[in-house]
Amino acid sequence: MRRPWLAALLVMAFSSAPAFAQGCAMCKANAKATPKDGQRAINRAIVIMLVPPLGIMSLGLGFAFRYGKRRDQENDRTSD
């Protein structure tokens, strides 16, 4: 297989699908009971709390791929 990381990503995505179905019933009931402005505020808060971890993970992946490319180029130069 040429892309083992793709297979690993698919396995992780499909194995975590049942976890997405387990919403917190109490949180859902509380959010549903709030007025529309409160629901919008909750949605914005969730998005705001997701941005920093996703940004940090994206930077980490970017650096990892960049390092991998540089390492492969250096190995190609030394093997010639």
N, C-alpha and C. Protein backbone atom coordinates (compact mmCIF):
# COMPACT_ATOMS: atom_id res chain seq x y z
N MET A 1 0.85 -1.17 0.00
CA MET A 1 0.00 0.00 0.00
C MET A 1 0.89 1.24 0.00
N ARG A 2 0.59 2.16 -0.86
CA ARG A 2 1.45 3.33 -1.00
C ARG A 2 1.25 4.35 0.10
N ARG A 3 0.06 4.41 0.65
CA ARG A 3 -0.23 5.42 1.66
C ARG A 3 -0.77 4.77 2.94
N PRO A 4 0.10 4.28 3.79
CA PRO A 4 -0.38 3.62 5.01
C PRO A 4 -1.06 4.60 5.97
N TRP A 5 -0.68 5.87 5.93
CA TRP A 5 -1.30 6.86 6.81
C TRP A 5 -2.77 7.05 6.47
N LEU A 6 -3.13 6.89 5.19
CA LEU A 6 -4.54 7.02 4.79
C LEU A 6 -5.36 5.89 5.37
N ALA A 7 -4.83 4.69 5.33
CA ALA A 7 -5.53 3.54 5.90
C ALA A 7 -5.69 3.72 7.41
N ALA A 8 -4.66 4.20 8.08
CA ALA A 8 -4.73 4.43 9.53
C ALA A 8 -5.78 5.50 9.85
N LEU A 9 -5.83 6.54 9.04
CA LEU A 9 -6.81 7.61 9.24
C LEU A 9 -8.23 7.10 9.08
N LEU A 10 -8.46 6.27 8.08
CA LEU A 10 -9.79 5.71 7.86
C LEU A 10 -10.20 4.78 9.01
N VAL A 11 -9.28 3.98 9.48
CA VAL A 11 -9.58 3.08 10.60
C VAL A 11 -9.94 3.89 11.84
N MET A 12 -9.19 4.95 12.11
CA MET A 12 -9.49 5.78 13.28
C MET A 12 -10.83 6.49 13.12
N ALA A 13 -11.14 6.95 11.91
CA ALA A 13 -12.39 7.67 11.69
C ALA A 13 -13.59 6.75 11.89
N PHE A 14 -13.51 5.54 11.36
CA PHE A 14 -14.64 4.63 11.48
C PHE A 14 -14.76 4.00 12.87
N SER A 15 -13.67 3.88 13.57
CA SER A 15 -13.74 3.31 14.92
C SER A 15 -14.26 4.32 15.93
N SER A 16 -14.14 5.61 15.62
CA SER A 16 -14.63 6.62 16.56
C SER A 16 -16.05 7.06 16.25
N ALA A 17 -16.67 6.54 15.21
CA ALA A 17 -18.03 6.94 14.85
C ALA A 17 -19.04 6.69 15.96
N PRO A 18 -18.99 5.55 16.67
CA PRO A 18 -19.96 5.37 17.76
C PRO A 18 -19.82 6.42 18.87
N ALA A 19 -18.64 6.94 19.07
CA ALA A 19 -18.44 7.95 20.12
C ALA A 19 -19.17 9.24 19.79
N PHE A 20 -19.30 9.57 18.50
CA PHE A 20 -20.00 10.78 18.11
C PHE A 20 -21.49 10.69 18.42
N ALA A 21 -22.03 9.51 18.47
CA ALA A 21 -23.45 9.33 18.71
C ALA A 21 -23.81 9.46 20.18
N GLN A 22 -22.81 9.48 21.05
CA GLN A 22 -23.07 9.52 22.49
C GLN A 22 -23.02 10.96 22.98
N GLY A 23 -24.04 11.74 22.66
CA GLY A 23 -24.10 13.12 23.14
C GLY A 23 -24.53 13.15 24.59
N CYS A 24 -24.13 14.16 25.28
CA CYS A 24 -24.52 14.32 26.68
C CYS A 24 -25.98 14.76 26.72
N ALA A 25 -26.85 13.90 27.21
CA ALA A 25 -28.29 14.19 27.22
C ALA A 25 -28.60 15.41 28.08
N MET A 26 -27.89 15.56 29.20
CA MET A 26 -28.15 16.70 30.08
C MET A 26 -27.72 18.01 29.40
N CYS A 27 -26.57 18.00 28.72
CA CYS A 27 -26.11 19.20 28.03
C CYS A 27 -27.07 19.57 26.90
N LYS A 28 -27.53 18.57 26.18
CA LYS A 28 -28.46 18.82 25.08
C LYS A 28 -29.77 19.40 25.61
N ALA A 29 -30.27 18.87 26.70
CA ALA A 29 -31.52 19.36 27.28
C ALA A 29 -31.35 20.80 27.75
N ASN A 30 -30.22 21.11 28.39
CA ASN A 30 -29.97 22.48 28.84
C ASN A 30 -29.85 23.44 27.67
N ALA A 31 -29.14 23.04 26.63
CA ALA A 31 -28.97 23.91 25.47
C ALA A 31 -30.30 24.14 24.76
N LYS A 32 -31.13 23.10 24.71
CA LYS A 32 -32.42 23.23 24.05
C LYS A 32 -33.36 24.14 24.83
N ALA A 33 -33.21 24.19 26.15
CA ALA A 33 -34.09 24.99 27.00
C ALA A 33 -33.72 26.47 26.99
N THR A 34 -32.52 26.80 26.51
CA THR A 34 -32.12 28.21 26.49
C THR A 34 -32.74 28.91 25.29
N PRO A 35 -32.86 30.24 25.37
CA PRO A 35 -33.38 30.98 24.22
C PRO A 35 -32.41 30.93 23.04
N LYS A 36 -32.87 31.37 21.88
CA LYS A 36 -32.06 31.30 20.65
C LYS A 36 -30.73 32.05 20.82
N ASP A 37 -30.74 33.19 21.49
CA ASP A 37 -29.48 33.92 21.70
C ASP A 37 -28.50 33.10 22.53
N GLY A 38 -28.99 32.41 23.53
CA GLY A 38 -28.14 31.55 24.34
C GLY A 38 -27.58 30.39 23.54
N GLN A 39 -28.39 29.82 22.66
CA GLN A 39 -27.93 28.71 21.81
C GLN A 39 -26.83 29.19 20.86
N ARG A 40 -27.01 30.39 20.31
CA ARG A 40 -25.97 30.94 19.43
C ARG A 40 -24.68 31.17 20.20
N ALA A 41 -24.81 31.66 21.44
CA ALA A 41 -23.63 31.89 22.27
C ALA A 41 -22.91 30.58 22.57
N ILE A 42 -23.66 29.53 22.85
CA ILE A 42 -23.05 28.22 23.11
C ILE A 42 -22.32 27.72 21.87
N ASN A 43 -22.95 27.86 20.70
CA ASN A 43 -22.30 27.43 19.46
C ASN A 43 -21.02 28.21 19.20
N ARG A 44 -21.05 29.52 19.43
CA ARG A 44 -19.84 30.33 19.23
C ARG A 44 -18.75 29.93 20.21
N ALA A 45 -19.14 29.67 21.45
CA ALA A 45 -18.16 29.27 22.46
C ALA A 45 -17.48 27.95 22.08
N ILE A 46 -18.26 27.03 21.55
CA ILE A 46 -17.69 25.75 21.13
C ILE A 46 -16.68 25.95 20.01
N VAL A 47 -17.04 26.78 19.04
CA VAL A 47 -16.12 27.04 17.92
C VAL A 47 -14.87 27.74 18.42
N ILE A 48 -15.02 28.71 19.30
CA ILE A 48 -13.86 29.44 19.83
C ILE A 48 -12.95 28.49 20.62
N MET A 49 -13.53 27.56 21.36
CA MET A 49 -12.70 26.62 22.12
C MET A 49 -12.02 25.59 21.22
N LEU A 50 -12.54 25.35 20.03
CA LEU A 50 -11.92 24.40 19.11
C LEU A 50 -10.77 25.00 18.32
N VAL A 51 -10.78 26.30 18.11
CA VAL A 51 -9.78 26.93 17.25
C VAL A 51 -8.34 26.73 17.75
N PRO A 52 -8.01 27.02 19.00
CA PRO A 52 -6.60 26.85 19.42
C PRO A 52 -6.07 25.42 19.29
N PRO A 53 -6.80 24.38 19.75
CA PRO A 53 -6.24 23.03 19.60
C PRO A 53 -6.07 22.63 18.13
N LEU A 54 -7.05 23.01 17.30
CA LEU A 54 -6.93 22.66 15.88
C LEU A 54 -5.77 23.41 15.24
N GLY A 55 -5.56 24.65 15.62
CA GLY A 55 -4.43 25.41 15.10
C GLY A 55 -3.10 24.80 15.50
N ILE A 56 -3.01 24.42 16.77
CA ILE A 56 -1.76 23.82 17.25
C ILE A 56 -1.50 22.49 16.55
N MET A 57 -2.55 21.68 16.39
CA MET A 57 -2.36 20.39 15.70
C MET A 57 -1.98 20.61 14.24
N SER A 58 -2.58 21.61 13.60
CA SER A 58 -2.25 21.88 12.20
C SER A 58 -0.80 22.32 12.06
N LEU A 59 -0.36 23.19 12.96
CA LEU A 59 1.05 23.61 12.93
C LEU A 59 1.98 22.42 13.16
N GLY A 60 1.63 21.57 14.11
CA GLY A 60 2.46 20.40 14.38
C GLY A 60 2.55 19.48 13.18
N LEU A 61 1.42 19.23 12.52
CA LEU A 61 1.44 18.39 11.32
C LEU A 61 2.23 19.05 10.20
N GLY A 62 2.06 20.36 10.05
CA GLY A 62 2.82 21.08 9.02
C GLY A 62 4.31 20.95 9.25
N PHE A 63 4.75 21.16 10.50
CA PHE A 63 6.17 21.02 10.81
C PHE A 63 6.66 19.60 10.59
N ALA A 64 5.83 18.62 10.93
CA ALA A 64 6.23 17.22 10.76
C ALA A 64 6.42 16.88 9.28
N PHE A 65 5.48 17.30 8.44
CA PHE A 65 5.63 17.03 7.01
C PHE A 65 6.81 17.79 6.43
N ARG A 66 7.01 19.02 6.89
CA ARG A 66 8.14 19.82 6.40
C ARG A 66 9.46 19.15 6.79
N TYR A 67 9.55 18.69 8.03
CA TYR A 67 10.75 18.01 8.48
C TYR A 67 10.98 16.72 7.69
N GLY A 68 9.90 15.97 7.44
CA GLY A 68 10.01 14.73 6.69
C GLY A 68 10.51 14.96 5.27
N LYS A 69 9.97 16.00 4.62
CA LYS A 69 10.43 16.32 3.26
C LYS A 69 11.90 16.70 3.26
N ARG A 70 12.30 17.53 4.22
CA ARG A 70 13.69 17.97 4.29
C ARG A 70 14.61 16.78 4.55
N ARG A 71 14.18 15.88 5.45
CA ARG A 71 14.98 14.70 5.75
C ARG A 71 15.12 13.81 4.52
N ASP A 72 14.03 13.63 3.77
CA ASP A 72 14.09 12.81 2.55
C ASP A 72 15.01 13.43 1.51
N GLN A 73 14.96 14.76 1.37
CA GLN A 73 15.85 15.43 0.42
C GLN A 73 17.31 15.27 0.81
N GLU A 74 17.61 15.38 2.11
CA GLU A 74 18.98 15.21 2.57
C GLU A 74 19.45 13.78 2.37
N ASN A 75 18.58 12.80 2.58
CA ASN A 75 18.94 11.40 2.36
C ASN A 75 19.19 11.13 0.88
N ASP A 76 18.40 11.75 0.01
CA ASP A 76 18.60 11.59 -1.43
C ASP A 76 19.94 12.18 -1.86
N ARG A 77 20.32 13.32 -1.27
CA ARG A 77 21.59 13.95 -1.63
C ARG A 77 22.77 13.10 -1.16
N THR A 78 22.67 12.53 0.02
CA THR A 78 23.78 11.75 0.55
C THR A 78 23.91 10.40 -0.15
N SER A 79 22.80 9.87 -0.67
CA SER A 79 22.87 8.56 -1.33
C SER A 79 23.42 8.66 -2.75
N ASP A 80 23.43 9.88 -3.31
CA ASP A 80 23.96 10.05 -4.68
C ASP A 80 25.44 10.10 -4.74
